[in-house]
Amino acid sequence: MRVNALLPGGTLTEMAGDDPQFHEFARQLHALKRLASADEIARAALFLCSDEASFVTGTAMLADGGNSICKT
């Protein structure tokens, strides 16, 4: 059995709303200066579920556009 966690960054979904000022604020929190698409986060999840990740377990995979490295 494998157990992993996926830690996504800001993602453009309905939950993110449609406020351009909020989106700009959130983009600046990420090293890539953009938000993820839902598809990008889904591909990370699919990787963890795939045979390509058959030896990956007990990890927290960051798919956060560099948000975690932008903390001061």
PDB file of N, CA and C in Angstrom:
ATOM      1  N   MET A   1       0.840  -1.176   0.000  1.00  0.00           N
ATOM      2  CA  MET A   1       0.000   0.000   0.000  1.00  0.00           C
ATOM      3  C   MET A   1       0.890   1.246   0.000  1.00  0.00           C
ATOM      4  N   ARG A   2       0.456   2.265  -0.753  1.00  0.00           N
ATOM      5  CA  ARG A   2       1.167   3.545  -0.793  1.00  0.00           C
ATOM      6  C   ARG A   2       0.274   4.624  -0.195  1.00  0.00           C
ATOM      7  N   VAL A   3       0.897   5.528   0.535  1.00  0.00           N
ATOM      8  CA  VAL A   3       0.168   6.662   1.112  1.00  0.00           C
ATOM      9  C   VAL A   3       0.982   7.922   0.858  1.00  0.00           C
ATOM     10  N   ASN A   4       0.388   8.873   0.163  1.00  0.00           N
ATOM     11  CA  ASN A   4       1.041  10.138  -0.154  1.00  0.00           C
ATOM     12  C   ASN A   4       0.052  11.279   0.046  1.00  0.00           C
ATOM     13  N   ALA A   5       0.580  12.469   0.098  1.00  0.00           N
ATOM     14  CA  ALA A   5      -0.259  13.674   0.184  1.00  0.00           C
ATOM     15  C   ALA A   5       0.105  14.593  -0.972  1.00  0.00           C
ATOM     16  N   LEU A   6      -0.888  15.250  -1.513  1.00  0.00           N
ATOM     17  CA  LEU A   6      -0.682  16.234  -2.574  1.00  0.00           C
ATOM     18  C   LEU A   6      -0.983  17.606  -1.978  1.00  0.00           C
ATOM     19  N   LEU A   7      -0.007  18.497  -2.044  1.00  0.00           N
ATOM     20  CA  LEU A   7      -0.140  19.838  -1.469  1.00  0.00           C
ATOM     21  C   LEU A   7      -0.184  20.863  -2.596  1.00  0.00           C
ATOM     22  N   PRO A   8      -1.388  21.215  -3.054  1.00  0.00           N
ATOM     23  CA  PRO A   8      -1.496  22.149  -4.173  1.00  0.00           C
ATOM     24  C   PRO A   8      -1.352  23.588  -3.726  1.00  0.00           C
ATOM     25  N   GLY A   9      -0.929  24.409  -4.650  1.00  0.00           N
ATOM     26  CA  GLY A   9      -0.903  25.850  -4.418  1.00  0.00           C
ATOM     27  C   GLY A   9      -2.205  26.461  -4.905  1.00  0.00           C
ATOM     28  N   GLY A  10      -2.204  27.766  -5.069  1.00  0.00           N
ATOM     29  CA  GLY A  10      -3.391  28.456  -5.554  1.00  0.00           C
ATOM     30  C   GLY A  10      -3.809  27.924  -6.913  1.00  0.00           C
ATOM     31  N   THR A  11      -5.089  27.643  -7.033  1.00  0.00           N
ATOM     32  CA  THR A  11      -5.615  27.014  -8.241  1.00  0.00           C
ATOM     33  C   THR A  11      -6.858  27.761  -8.707  1.00  0.00           C
ATOM     34  N   LEU A  12      -6.917  28.031  -9.983  1.00  0.00           N
ATOM     35  CA  LEU A  12      -8.083  28.717 -10.544  1.00  0.00           C
ATOM     36  C   LEU A  12      -9.250  27.744 -10.670  1.00  0.00           C
ATOM     37  N   THR A  13     -10.124  27.801  -9.708  1.00  0.00           N
ATOM     38  CA  THR A  13     -11.353  27.015  -9.709  1.00  0.00           C
ATOM     39  C   THR A  13     -12.499  27.944  -9.322  1.00  0.00           C
ATOM     40  N   GLU A  14     -13.700  27.430  -9.279  1.00  0.00           N
ATOM     41  CA  GLU A  14     -14.834  28.241  -8.848  1.00  0.00           C
ATOM     42  C   GLU A  14     -14.635  28.742  -7.421  1.00  0.00           C
ATOM     43  N   MET A  15     -13.954  27.954  -6.584  1.00  0.00           N
ATOM     44  CA  MET A  15     -13.710  28.371  -5.201  1.00  0.00           C
ATOM     45  C   MET A  15     -12.830  29.609  -5.132  1.00  0.00           C
ATOM     46  N   ALA A  16     -11.998  29.843  -6.135  1.00  0.00           N
ATOM     47  CA  ALA A  16     -11.122  31.015  -6.153  1.00  0.00           C
ATOM     48  C   ALA A  16     -11.893  32.290  -6.471  1.00  0.00           C
ATOM     49  N   GLY A  17     -13.129  32.142  -6.874  1.00  0.00           N
ATOM     50  CA  GLY A  17     -13.946  33.306  -7.199  1.00  0.00           C
ATOM     51  C   GLY A  17     -13.509  33.973  -8.485  1.00  0.00           C
ATOM     52  N   ASP A  18     -14.028  35.178  -8.702  1.00  0.00           N
ATOM     53  CA  ASP A  18     -13.712  35.882  -9.940  1.00  0.00           C
ATOM     54  C   ASP A  18     -13.215  37.307  -9.691  1.00  0.00           C
ATOM     55  N   ASP A  19     -12.674  37.541  -8.503  1.00  0.00           N
ATOM     56  CA  ASP A  19     -12.139  38.858  -8.150  1.00  0.00           C
ATOM     57  C   ASP A  19     -10.709  38.997  -8.688  1.00  0.00           C
ATOM     58  N   PRO A  20     -10.492  39.846  -9.700  1.00  0.00           N
ATOM     59  CA  PRO A  20      -9.154  39.981 -10.291  1.00  0.00           C
ATOM     60  C   PRO A  20      -8.099  40.450  -9.285  1.00  0.00           C
ATOM     61  N   GLN A  21      -8.491  41.274  -8.323  1.00  0.00           N
ATOM     62  CA  GLN A  21      -7.528  41.738  -7.321  1.00  0.00           C
ATOM     63  C   GLN A  21      -7.053  40.574  -6.448  1.00  0.00           C
ATOM     64  N   PHE A  22      -7.967  39.699  -6.074  1.00  0.00           N
ATOM     65  CA  PHE A  22      -7.578  38.529  -5.286  1.00  0.00           C
ATOM     66  C   PHE A  22      -6.669  37.619  -6.097  1.00  0.00           C
ATOM     67  N   HIS A  23      -6.995  37.399  -7.347  1.00  0.00           N
ATOM     68  CA  HIS A  23      -6.178  36.539  -8.207  1.00  0.00           C
ATOM     69  C   HIS A  23      -4.765  37.102  -8.346  1.00  0.00           C
ATOM     70  N   GLU A  24      -4.655  38.415  -8.500  1.00  0.00           N
ATOM     71  CA  GLU A  24      -3.333  39.038  -8.617  1.00  0.00           C
ATOM     72  C   GLU A  24      -2.561  38.878  -7.310  1.00  0.00           C
ATOM     73  N   PHE A  25      -3.214  39.090  -6.188  1.00  0.00           N
ATOM     74  CA  PHE A  25      -2.576  38.901  -4.880  1.00  0.00           C
ATOM     75  C   PHE A  25      -2.064  37.468  -4.751  1.00  0.00           C
ATOM     76  N   ALA A  26      -2.917  36.489  -5.088  1.00  0.00           N
ATOM     77  CA  ALA A  26      -2.550  35.080  -4.973  1.00  0.00           C
ATOM     78  C   ALA A  26      -1.409  34.719  -5.924  1.00  0.00           C
ATOM     79  N   ARG A  27      -1.426  35.285  -7.140  1.00  0.00           N
ATOM     80  CA  ARG A  27      -0.341  35.018  -8.094  1.00  0.00           C
ATOM     81  C   ARG A  27       1.008  35.447  -7.529  1.00  0.00           C
ATOM     82  N   GLN A  28       1.040  36.564  -6.836  1.00  0.00           N
ATOM     83  CA  GLN A  28       2.299  37.082  -6.296  1.00  0.00           C
ATOM     84  C   GLN A  28       2.854  36.224  -5.160  1.00  0.00           C
ATOM     85  N   LEU A  29       2.058  35.333  -4.610  1.00  0.00           N
ATOM     86  CA  LEU A  29       2.522  34.432  -3.553  1.00  0.00           C
ATOM     87  C   LEU A  29       3.325  33.255  -4.107  1.00  0.00           C
ATOM     88  N   HIS A  30       3.296  33.071  -5.410  1.00  0.00           N
ATOM     89  CA  HIS A  30       3.919  31.923  -6.057  1.00  0.00           C
ATOM     90  C   HIS A  30       5.168  32.344  -6.833  1.00  0.00           C
ATOM     91  N   ALA A  31       6.206  31.540  -6.780  1.00  0.00           N
ATOM     92  CA  ALA A  31       7.438  31.833  -7.519  1.00  0.00           C
ATOM     93  C   ALA A  31       7.172  31.911  -9.022  1.00  0.00           C
ATOM     94  N   LEU A  32       6.245  31.118  -9.517  1.00  0.00           N
ATOM     95  CA  LEU A  32       5.931  31.134 -10.949  1.00  0.00           C
ATOM     96  C   LEU A  32       5.042  32.313 -11.339  1.00  0.00           C
ATOM     97  N   LYS A  33       4.570  33.068 -10.356  1.00  0.00           N
ATOM     98  CA  LYS A  33       3.737  34.268 -10.563  1.00  0.00           C
ATOM     99  C   LYS A  33       2.474  33.982 -11.368  1.00  0.00           C
ATOM    100  N   ARG A  34       1.912  32.806 -11.109  1.00  0.00           N
ATOM    101  CA  ARG A  34       0.626  32.459 -11.719  1.00  0.00           C
ATOM    102  C   ARG A  34      -0.055  31.426 -10.846  1.00  0.00           C
ATOM    103  N   LEU A  35      -1.318  31.206 -11.093  1.00  0.00           N
ATOM    104  CA  LEU A  35      -2.064  30.166 -10.401  1.00  0.00           C
ATOM    105  C   LEU A  35      -2.140  28.931 -11.292  1.00  0.00           C
ATOM    106  N   ALA A  36      -2.339  27.801 -10.669  1.00  0.00           N
ATOM    107  CA  ALA A  36      -2.441  26.548 -11.416  1.00  0.00           C
ATOM    108  C   ALA A  36      -3.825  26.407 -12.033  1.00  0.00           C
ATOM    109  N   SER A  37      -3.886  25.624 -13.071  1.00  0.00           N
ATOM    110  CA  SER A  37      -5.194  25.195 -13.571  1.00  0.00           C
ATOM    111  C   SER A  37      -5.558  23.920 -12.809  1.00  0.00           C
ATOM    112  N   ALA A  38      -6.829  23.626 -12.743  1.00  0.00           N
ATOM    113  CA  ALA A  38      -7.269  22.396 -12.080  1.00  0.00           C
ATOM    114  C   ALA A  38      -6.641  21.186 -12.753  1.00  0.00           C
ATOM    115  N   ASP A  39      -6.443  21.269 -14.061  1.00  0.00           N
ATOM    116  CA  ASP A  39      -5.849  20.169 -14.815  1.00  0.00           C
ATOM    117  C   ASP A  39      -4.407  19.897 -14.366  1.00  0.00           C
ATOM    118  N   GLU A  40      -3.667  20.954 -14.065  1.00  0.00           N
ATOM    119  CA  GLU A  40      -2.285  20.770 -13.602  1.00  0.00           C
ATOM    120  C   GLU A  40      -2.234  20.029 -12.269  1.00  0.00           C
ATOM    121  N   ILE A  41      -3.140  20.362 -11.371  1.00  0.00           N
ATOM    122  CA  ILE A  41      -3.189  19.681 -10.075  1.00  0.00           C
ATOM    123  C   ILE A  41      -3.658  18.240 -10.264  1.00  0.00           C
ATOM    124  N   ALA A  42      -4.611  18.038 -11.150  1.00  0.00           N
ATOM    125  CA  ALA A  42      -5.099  16.674 -11.435  1.00  0.00           C
ATOM    126  C   ALA A  42      -3.982  15.805 -12.001  1.00  0.00           C
ATOM    127  N   ARG A  43      -3.132  16.363 -12.856  1.00  0.00           N
ATOM    128  CA  ARG A  43      -2.024  15.572 -13.413  1.00  0.00           C
ATOM    129  C   ARG A  43      -1.041  15.148 -12.325  1.00  0.00           C
ATOM    130  N   ALA A  44      -0.820  16.007 -11.335  1.00  0.00           N
ATOM    131  CA  ALA A  44       0.049  15.634 -10.218  1.00  0.00           C
ATOM    132  C   ALA A  44      -0.580  14.483  -9.425  1.00  0.00           C
ATOM    133  N   ALA A  45      -1.885  14.558  -9.198  1.00  0.00           N
ATOM    134  CA  ALA A  45      -2.582  13.486  -8.489  1.00  0.00           C
ATOM    135  C   ALA A  45      -2.531  12.186  -9.288  1.00  0.00           C
ATOM    136  N   LEU A  46      -2.743  12.284 -10.591  1.00  0.00           N
ATOM    137  CA  LEU A  46      -2.691  11.084 -11.436  1.00  0.00           C
ATOM    138  C   LEU A  46      -1.308  10.452 -11.422  1.00  0.00           C
ATOM    139  N   PHE A  47      -0.262  11.282 -11.392  1.00  0.00           N
ATOM    140  CA  PHE A  47       1.089  10.736 -11.290  1.00  0.00           C
ATOM    141  C   PHE A  47       1.221   9.905 -10.020  1.00  0.00           C
ATOM    142  N   LEU A  48       0.777  10.446  -8.891  1.00  0.00           N
ATOM    143  CA  LEU A  48       0.902   9.711  -7.629  1.00  0.00           C
ATOM    144  C   LEU A  48       0.114   8.408  -7.638  1.00  0.00           C
ATOM    145  N   CYS A  49      -0.958   8.352  -8.405  1.00  0.00           N
ATOM    146  CA  CYS A  49      -1.780   7.139  -8.494  1.00  0.00           C
ATOM    147  C   CYS A  49      -1.269   6.156  -9.547  1.00  0.00           C
ATOM    148  N   SER A  50      -0.343   6.598 -10.366  1.00  0.00           N
ATOM    149  CA  SER A  50       0.086   5.790 -11.505  1.00  0.00           C
ATOM    150  C   SER A  50       1.199   4.813 -11.142  1.00  0.00           C
ATOM    151  N   ASP A  51       1.459   3.893 -12.065  1.00  0.00           N
ATOM    152  CA  ASP A  51       2.576   2.965 -11.915  1.00  0.00           C
ATOM    153  C   ASP A  51       3.916   3.688 -11.970  1.00  0.00           C
ATOM    154  N   GLU A  52       3.935   4.878 -12.576  1.00  0.00           N
ATOM    155  CA  GLU A  52       5.169   5.665 -12.624  1.00  0.00           C
ATOM    156  C   GLU A  52       5.643   6.050 -11.223  1.00  0.00           C
ATOM    157  N   ALA A  53       4.724   6.085 -10.267  1.00  0.00           N
ATOM    158  CA  ALA A  53       5.057   6.441  -8.889  1.00  0.00           C
ATOM    159  C   ALA A  53       4.989   5.213  -7.985  1.00  0.00           C
ATOM    160  N   SER A  54       5.253   4.045  -8.540  1.00  0.00           N
ATOM    161  CA  SER A  54       5.081   2.795  -7.788  1.00  0.00           C
ATOM    162  C   SER A  54       6.000   2.672  -6.577  1.00  0.00           C
ATOM    163  N   PHE A  55       7.075   3.433  -6.524  1.00  0.00           N
ATOM    164  CA  PHE A  55       7.995   3.362  -5.392  1.00  0.00           C
ATOM    165  C   PHE A  55       7.942   4.638  -4.548  1.00  0.00           C
ATOM    166  N   VAL A  56       6.921   5.442  -4.775  1.00  0.00           N
ATOM    167  CA  VAL A  56       6.744   6.688  -4.027  1.00  0.00           C
ATOM    168  C   VAL A  56       5.706   6.451  -2.939  1.00  0.00           C
ATOM    169  N   THR A  57       6.118   6.572  -1.693  1.00  0.00           N
ATOM    170  CA  THR A  57       5.178   6.463  -0.581  1.00  0.00           C
ATOM    171  C   THR A  57       5.686   7.271   0.605  1.00  0.00           C
ATOM    172  N   GLY A  58       4.760   7.706   1.414  1.00  0.00           N
ATOM    173  CA  GLY A  58       5.123   8.458   2.612  1.00  0.00           C
ATOM    174  C   GLY A  58       5.645   9.842   2.323  1.00  0.00           C
ATOM    175  N   THR A  59       5.218  10.426   1.224  1.00  0.00           N
ATOM    176  CA  THR A  59       5.727  11.746   0.852  1.00  0.00           C
ATOM    177  C   THR A  59       4.594  12.755   0.720  1.00  0.00           C
ATOM    178  N   ALA A  60       4.949  14.010   0.862  1.00  0.00           N
ATOM    179  CA  ALA A  60       4.030  15.111   0.602  1.00  0.00           C
ATOM    180  C   ALA A  60       4.540  15.807  -0.650  1.00  0.00           C
ATOM    181  N   MET A  61       3.815  15.651  -1.733  1.00  0.00           N
ATOM    182  CA  MET A  61       4.239  16.215  -3.018  1.00  0.00           C
ATOM    183  C   MET A  61       3.715  17.636  -3.159  1.00  0.00           C
ATOM    184  N   LEU A  62       4.628  18.577  -3.301  1.00  0.00           N
ATOM    185  CA  LEU A  62       4.258  19.963  -3.519  1.00  0.00           C
ATOM    186  C   LEU A  62       3.967  20.201  -4.998  1.00  0.00           C
ATOM    187  N   ALA A  63       2.795  20.708  -5.275  1.00  0.00           N
ATOM    188  CA  ALA A  63       2.433  21.174  -6.620  1.00  0.00           C
ATOM    189  C   ALA A  63       1.910  22.586  -6.419  1.00  0.00           C
ATOM    190  N   ASP A  64       2.811  23.450  -5.938  1.00  0.00           N
ATOM    191  CA  ASP A  64       2.372  24.758  -5.449  1.00  0.00           C
ATOM    192  C   ASP A  64       2.979  25.937  -6.197  1.00  0.00           C
ATOM    193  N   GLY A  65       3.536  25.708  -7.359  1.00  0.00           N
ATOM    194  CA  GLY A  65       4.075  26.803  -8.151  1.00  0.00           C
ATOM    195  C   GLY A  65       5.163  27.594  -7.451  1.00  0.00           C
ATOM    196  N   GLY A  66       5.788  26.972  -6.471  1.00  0.00           N
ATOM    197  CA  GLY A  66       6.853  27.649  -5.740  1.00  0.00           C
ATOM    198  C   GLY A  66       6.375  28.479  -4.565  1.00  0.00           C
ATOM    199  N   ASN A  67       5.113  28.350  -4.201  1.00  0.00           N
ATOM    200  CA  ASN A  67       4.592  29.104  -3.059  1.00  0.00           C
ATOM    201  C   ASN A  67       5.390  28.822  -1.799  1.00  0.00           C
ATOM    202  N   SER A  68       5.765  27.589  -1.592  1.00  0.00           N
ATOM    203  CA  SER A  68       6.464  27.198  -0.357  1.00  0.00           C
ATOM    204  C   SER A  68       7.876  27.785  -0.254  1.00  0.00           C
ATOM    205  N   ILE A  69       8.462  28.198  -1.370  1.00  0.00           N
ATOM    206  CA  ILE A  69       9.809  28.775  -1.306  1.00  0.00           C
ATOM    207  C   ILE A  69       9.790  30.296  -1.257  1.00  0.00           C
ATOM    208  N   CYS A  70       8.607  30.882  -1.291  1.00  0.00           N
ATOM    209  CA  CYS A  70       8.483  32.333  -1.298  1.00  0.00           C
ATOM    210  C   CYS A  70       8.139  32.900   0.074  1.00  0.00           C
ATOM    211  N   LYS A  71       8.334  32.143   1.119  1.00  0.00           N
ATOM    212  CA  LYS A  71       8.008  32.608   2.472  1.00  0.00           C
ATOM    213  C   LYS A  71       9.182  33.388   3.040  1.00  0.00           C
ATOM    214  N   THR A  72       8.869  34.469   3.701  1.00  0.00           N
ATOM    215  CA  THR A  72       9.932  35.274   4.319  1.00  0.00           C
ATOM    216  C   THR A  72       9.899  35.138   5.821  1.00  0.00           C
TER     217      THR A  72
END
